[in-house]
Amino acid sequence: GCTPSPPRPPLASTPPGTFGEDFTLSLTSPTPGTVMVFTTDGSVPSPNHGQLYTGPISVNRTTLVRAVCGVAGHFGAVTGFGYIKLAPPLRN
């Protein structure tokens, strides 16, 4: 039996960092045919924990998105993408 190598980590459409305006985050897998599982509460995603990625994630507050790719039951490394929402500028 040949064990497939684990899929490469997911990629995020927006680099981690700070933001002012809400945005939608797309995750992509560099490995074809994978499923992606993610969390937005900082917990570790796994086949038994997290949400199956089916489309863009709305980011409207400080959020740590963690995601993992799996293929044929083999999961790769968990990757984290942190987004910090900045307070709106103070107005007089």
N, C-alpha and C. Protein backbone atom coordinates (compact mmCIF):
# COMPACT_ATOMS: atom_id res chain seq x y z
N GLY A 1 0.82 -1.20 0.00
CA GLY A 1 0.00 0.00 0.00
C GLY A 1 0.85 1.24 0.00
N CYS A 2 0.43 2.18 -0.79
CA CYS A 2 1.12 3.47 -0.88
C CYS A 2 0.30 4.50 -0.13
N THR A 3 0.88 5.11 0.88
CA THR A 3 0.16 6.13 1.64
C THR A 3 0.35 7.48 0.95
N PRO A 4 -0.75 8.16 0.61
CA PRO A 4 -0.59 9.46 -0.03
C PRO A 4 0.01 10.46 0.95
N SER A 5 0.82 11.37 0.43
CA SER A 5 1.37 12.39 1.32
C SER A 5 0.24 13.34 1.71
N PRO A 6 0.30 13.91 2.91
CA PRO A 6 -0.79 14.80 3.34
C PRO A 6 -0.86 16.03 2.44
N PRO A 7 -2.06 16.58 2.28
CA PRO A 7 -2.21 17.76 1.43
C PRO A 7 -1.48 18.96 2.03
N ARG A 8 -1.12 19.90 1.17
CA ARG A 8 -0.46 21.12 1.62
C ARG A 8 -1.47 22.01 2.35
N PRO A 9 -0.99 22.93 3.20
CA PRO A 9 -1.89 23.79 3.97
C PRO A 9 -2.73 24.70 3.07
N PRO A 10 -3.92 25.10 3.58
CA PRO A 10 -4.78 26.00 2.80
C PRO A 10 -4.16 27.40 2.68
N LEU A 11 -4.64 28.12 1.69
CA LEU A 11 -4.22 29.50 1.44
C LEU A 11 -5.42 30.41 1.63
N ALA A 12 -5.17 31.64 2.12
CA ALA A 12 -6.24 32.61 2.37
C ALA A 12 -6.19 33.71 1.32
N SER A 13 -7.37 34.20 0.92
CA SER A 13 -7.44 35.26 -0.09
C SER A 13 -6.98 36.61 0.45
N THR A 14 -7.06 36.80 1.78
CA THR A 14 -6.65 38.05 2.41
C THR A 14 -5.53 37.73 3.39
N PRO A 15 -4.39 38.42 3.29
CA PRO A 15 -3.31 38.13 4.23
C PRO A 15 -3.73 38.47 5.66
N PRO A 16 -3.26 37.72 6.64
CA PRO A 16 -3.60 38.03 8.03
C PRO A 16 -3.12 39.43 8.40
N GLY A 17 -3.81 40.05 9.34
CA GLY A 17 -3.43 41.39 9.78
C GLY A 17 -4.63 42.15 10.30
N THR A 18 -4.57 43.47 10.19
CA THR A 18 -5.65 44.31 10.68
C THR A 18 -6.58 44.71 9.54
N PHE A 19 -7.82 45.05 9.89
CA PHE A 19 -8.78 45.51 8.88
C PHE A 19 -9.75 46.51 9.51
N GLY A 20 -10.32 47.37 8.68
CA GLY A 20 -11.31 48.34 9.13
C GLY A 20 -12.70 47.97 8.63
N GLU A 21 -12.78 47.61 7.36
CA GLU A 21 -14.07 47.25 6.75
C GLU A 21 -14.24 45.74 6.77
N ASP A 22 -15.48 45.29 7.05
CA ASP A 22 -15.78 43.86 7.01
C ASP A 22 -15.46 43.31 5.62
N PHE A 23 -15.10 42.05 5.55
CA PHE A 23 -14.77 41.45 4.26
C PHE A 23 -15.11 39.97 4.27
N THR A 24 -15.06 39.35 3.10
CA THR A 24 -15.26 37.91 3.02
C THR A 24 -13.92 37.28 2.68
N LEU A 25 -13.66 36.17 3.35
CA LEU A 25 -12.40 35.46 3.22
C LEU A 25 -12.62 34.18 2.45
N SER A 26 -11.84 33.99 1.40
CA SER A 26 -11.89 32.74 0.64
C SER A 26 -10.67 31.90 0.99
N LEU A 27 -10.89 30.62 1.20
CA LEU A 27 -9.79 29.68 1.42
C LEU A 27 -9.67 28.80 0.20
N THR A 28 -8.44 28.51 -0.19
CA THR A 28 -8.21 27.61 -1.31
C THR A 28 -7.18 26.58 -0.91
N SER A 29 -7.28 25.43 -1.52
CA SER A 29 -6.33 24.36 -1.26
C SER A 29 -5.41 24.22 -2.46
N PRO A 30 -4.07 24.21 -2.22
CA PRO A 30 -3.15 23.99 -3.33
C PRO A 30 -3.15 22.54 -3.82
N THR A 31 -3.79 21.64 -3.08
CA THR A 31 -3.83 20.23 -3.44
C THR A 31 -5.20 19.89 -4.01
N PRO A 32 -5.30 19.43 -5.25
CA PRO A 32 -6.61 19.13 -5.84
C PRO A 32 -7.33 18.01 -5.09
N GLY A 33 -8.66 18.10 -5.08
CA GLY A 33 -9.48 17.02 -4.55
C GLY A 33 -9.55 16.94 -3.03
N THR A 34 -9.21 18.03 -2.36
CA THR A 34 -9.24 18.00 -0.90
C THR A 34 -10.54 18.56 -0.35
N VAL A 35 -10.82 18.21 0.90
CA VAL A 35 -11.86 18.88 1.66
C VAL A 35 -11.15 19.78 2.65
N MET A 36 -11.80 20.89 3.02
CA MET A 36 -11.24 21.79 4.01
C MET A 36 -12.21 21.91 5.17
N VAL A 37 -11.67 21.85 6.38
CA VAL A 37 -12.44 22.05 7.59
C VAL A 37 -11.84 23.26 8.28
N PHE A 38 -12.73 24.14 8.83
CA PHE A 38 -12.22 25.35 9.46
C PHE A 38 -12.98 25.65 10.75
N THR A 39 -12.36 26.49 11.59
CA THR A 39 -13.02 27.04 12.78
C THR A 39 -12.74 28.54 12.80
N THR A 40 -13.59 29.28 13.52
CA THR A 40 -13.38 30.72 13.67
C THR A 40 -13.25 31.11 15.13
N ASP A 41 -13.16 30.12 16.02
CA ASP A 41 -13.06 30.42 17.46
C ASP A 41 -11.68 30.11 18.01
N GLY A 42 -10.73 29.84 17.14
CA GLY A 42 -9.37 29.57 17.58
C GLY A 42 -9.11 28.11 17.91
N SER A 43 -10.16 27.27 17.93
CA SER A 43 -9.96 25.85 18.22
C SER A 43 -9.37 25.14 17.00
N VAL A 44 -8.82 23.96 17.23
CA VAL A 44 -8.15 23.22 16.16
C VAL A 44 -9.18 22.46 15.33
N PRO A 45 -9.24 22.73 14.02
CA PRO A 45 -10.18 21.99 13.17
C PRO A 45 -9.68 20.57 12.92
N SER A 46 -10.61 19.65 12.79
CA SER A 46 -10.28 18.26 12.53
C SER A 46 -11.48 17.63 11.82
N PRO A 47 -11.35 16.38 11.39
CA PRO A 47 -12.51 15.74 10.73
C PRO A 47 -13.76 15.72 11.62
N ASN A 48 -13.57 15.76 12.95
CA ASN A 48 -14.71 15.70 13.87
C ASN A 48 -15.06 17.03 14.51
N HIS A 49 -14.34 18.09 14.17
CA HIS A 49 -14.59 19.39 14.80
C HIS A 49 -14.38 20.49 13.78
N GLY A 50 -15.35 21.40 13.70
CA GLY A 50 -15.25 22.51 12.77
C GLY A 50 -16.31 22.42 11.69
N GLN A 51 -16.25 23.36 10.76
CA GLN A 51 -17.22 23.42 9.67
C GLN A 51 -16.53 23.06 8.37
N LEU A 52 -17.25 22.33 7.54
CA LEU A 52 -16.75 22.03 6.20
C LEU A 52 -16.78 23.32 5.39
N TYR A 53 -15.67 23.64 4.75
CA TYR A 53 -15.60 24.87 3.96
C TYR A 53 -16.35 24.67 2.65
N THR A 54 -17.37 25.50 2.42
CA THR A 54 -18.14 25.42 1.19
C THR A 54 -18.19 26.74 0.44
N GLY A 55 -17.70 27.80 1.05
CA GLY A 55 -17.71 29.11 0.39
C GLY A 55 -17.11 30.15 1.31
N PRO A 56 -17.03 31.39 0.84
CA PRO A 56 -16.36 32.45 1.60
C PRO A 56 -16.92 32.63 3.01
N ILE A 57 -16.02 33.01 3.92
CA ILE A 57 -16.35 33.23 5.33
C ILE A 57 -16.44 34.73 5.56
N SER A 58 -17.52 35.18 6.21
CA SER A 58 -17.66 36.60 6.53
C SER A 58 -16.82 36.93 7.76
N VAL A 59 -15.95 37.94 7.64
CA VAL A 59 -15.12 38.38 8.76
C VAL A 59 -15.56 39.79 9.13
N ASN A 60 -16.19 39.93 10.30
CA ASN A 60 -16.71 41.23 10.70
C ASN A 60 -16.29 41.61 12.12
N ARG A 61 -15.38 40.84 12.70
CA ARG A 61 -14.84 41.14 14.03
C ARG A 61 -13.47 40.49 14.11
N THR A 62 -12.74 40.76 15.18
CA THR A 62 -11.44 40.12 15.36
C THR A 62 -11.65 38.60 15.38
N THR A 63 -10.98 37.92 14.48
CA THR A 63 -11.24 36.50 14.24
C THR A 63 -9.94 35.75 13.98
N LEU A 64 -9.83 34.57 14.56
CA LEU A 64 -8.75 33.65 14.20
C LEU A 64 -9.37 32.50 13.43
N VAL A 65 -9.10 32.46 12.14
CA VAL A 65 -9.58 31.37 11.29
C VAL A 65 -8.48 30.31 11.26
N ARG A 66 -8.83 29.10 11.60
CA ARG A 66 -7.88 27.99 11.50
C ARG A 66 -8.48 26.98 10.54
N ALA A 67 -7.64 26.46 9.64
CA ALA A 67 -8.14 25.57 8.60
C ALA A 67 -7.15 24.44 8.35
N VAL A 68 -7.70 23.33 7.87
CA VAL A 68 -6.88 22.17 7.53
C VAL A 68 -7.47 21.51 6.28
N CYS A 69 -6.60 20.98 5.43
CA CYS A 69 -7.03 20.27 4.22
C CYS A 69 -6.88 18.77 4.44
N GLY A 70 -7.82 18.02 3.87
CA GLY A 70 -7.74 16.57 3.96
C GLY A 70 -8.07 15.94 2.62
N VAL A 71 -7.42 14.82 2.36
CA VAL A 71 -7.72 14.05 1.16
C VAL A 71 -7.66 12.57 1.53
N ALA A 72 -8.71 11.84 1.19
CA ALA A 72 -8.78 10.40 1.45
C ALA A 72 -8.50 10.07 2.92
N GLY A 73 -8.99 10.92 3.82
CA GLY A 73 -8.85 10.66 5.24
C GLY A 73 -7.52 11.09 5.84
N HIS A 74 -6.62 11.62 5.02
CA HIS A 74 -5.33 12.10 5.53
C HIS A 74 -5.37 13.62 5.60
N PHE A 75 -5.10 14.16 6.79
CA PHE A 75 -5.15 15.61 6.96
C PHE A 75 -3.76 16.17 7.14
N GLY A 76 -3.53 17.36 6.57
CA GLY A 76 -2.24 18.02 6.66
C GLY A 76 -2.14 18.89 7.90
N ALA A 77 -1.24 19.85 7.85
CA ALA A 77 -0.99 20.74 8.98
C ALA A 77 -2.11 21.77 9.09
N VAL A 78 -2.46 22.11 10.32
CA VAL A 78 -3.44 23.18 10.58
C VAL A 78 -2.75 24.52 10.38
N THR A 79 -3.41 25.43 9.67
CA THR A 79 -2.88 26.76 9.42
C THR A 79 -3.82 27.79 10.03
N GLY A 80 -3.27 28.82 10.64
CA GLY A 80 -4.08 29.88 11.24
C GLY A 80 -3.93 31.18 10.50
N PHE A 81 -5.04 31.92 10.40
CA PHE A 81 -5.05 33.25 9.78
C PHE A 81 -5.76 34.19 10.75
N GLY A 82 -5.02 35.13 11.33
CA GLY A 82 -5.60 36.04 12.31
C GLY A 82 -5.93 37.39 11.71
N TYR A 83 -7.12 37.89 12.03
CA TYR A 83 -7.58 39.20 11.53
C TYR A 83 -8.06 40.03 12.71
N ILE A 84 -7.49 41.22 12.85
CA ILE A 84 -7.82 42.09 13.99
C ILE A 84 -8.58 43.30 13.47
N LYS A 85 -9.80 43.48 13.98
CA LYS A 85 -10.62 44.62 13.54
C LYS A 85 -10.20 45.87 14.30
N LEU A 86 -9.92 46.92 13.55
CA LEU A 86 -9.55 48.19 14.15
C LEU A 86 -10.81 48.98 14.50
N ALA A 87 -10.74 49.71 15.60
CA ALA A 87 -11.87 50.57 15.98
C ALA A 87 -12.01 51.69 14.95
N PRO A 88 -13.26 52.12 14.70
CA PRO A 88 -13.42 53.24 13.76
C PRO A 88 -12.74 54.48 14.32
N PRO A 89 -12.28 55.37 13.43
CA PRO A 89 -11.62 56.59 13.93
C PRO A 89 -12.56 57.40 14.81
N LEU A 90 -12.01 58.02 15.82
CA LEU A 90 -12.83 58.86 16.70
C LEU A 90 -13.20 60.15 15.98
N ARG A 91 -14.46 60.54 16.12
CA ARG A 91 -14.92 61.76 15.46
C ARG A 91 -15.30 62.79 16.52
N ASN A 92 -15.06 64.06 16.23
CA ASN A 92 -15.43 65.13 17.16
C ASN A 92 -16.91 65.42 17.07
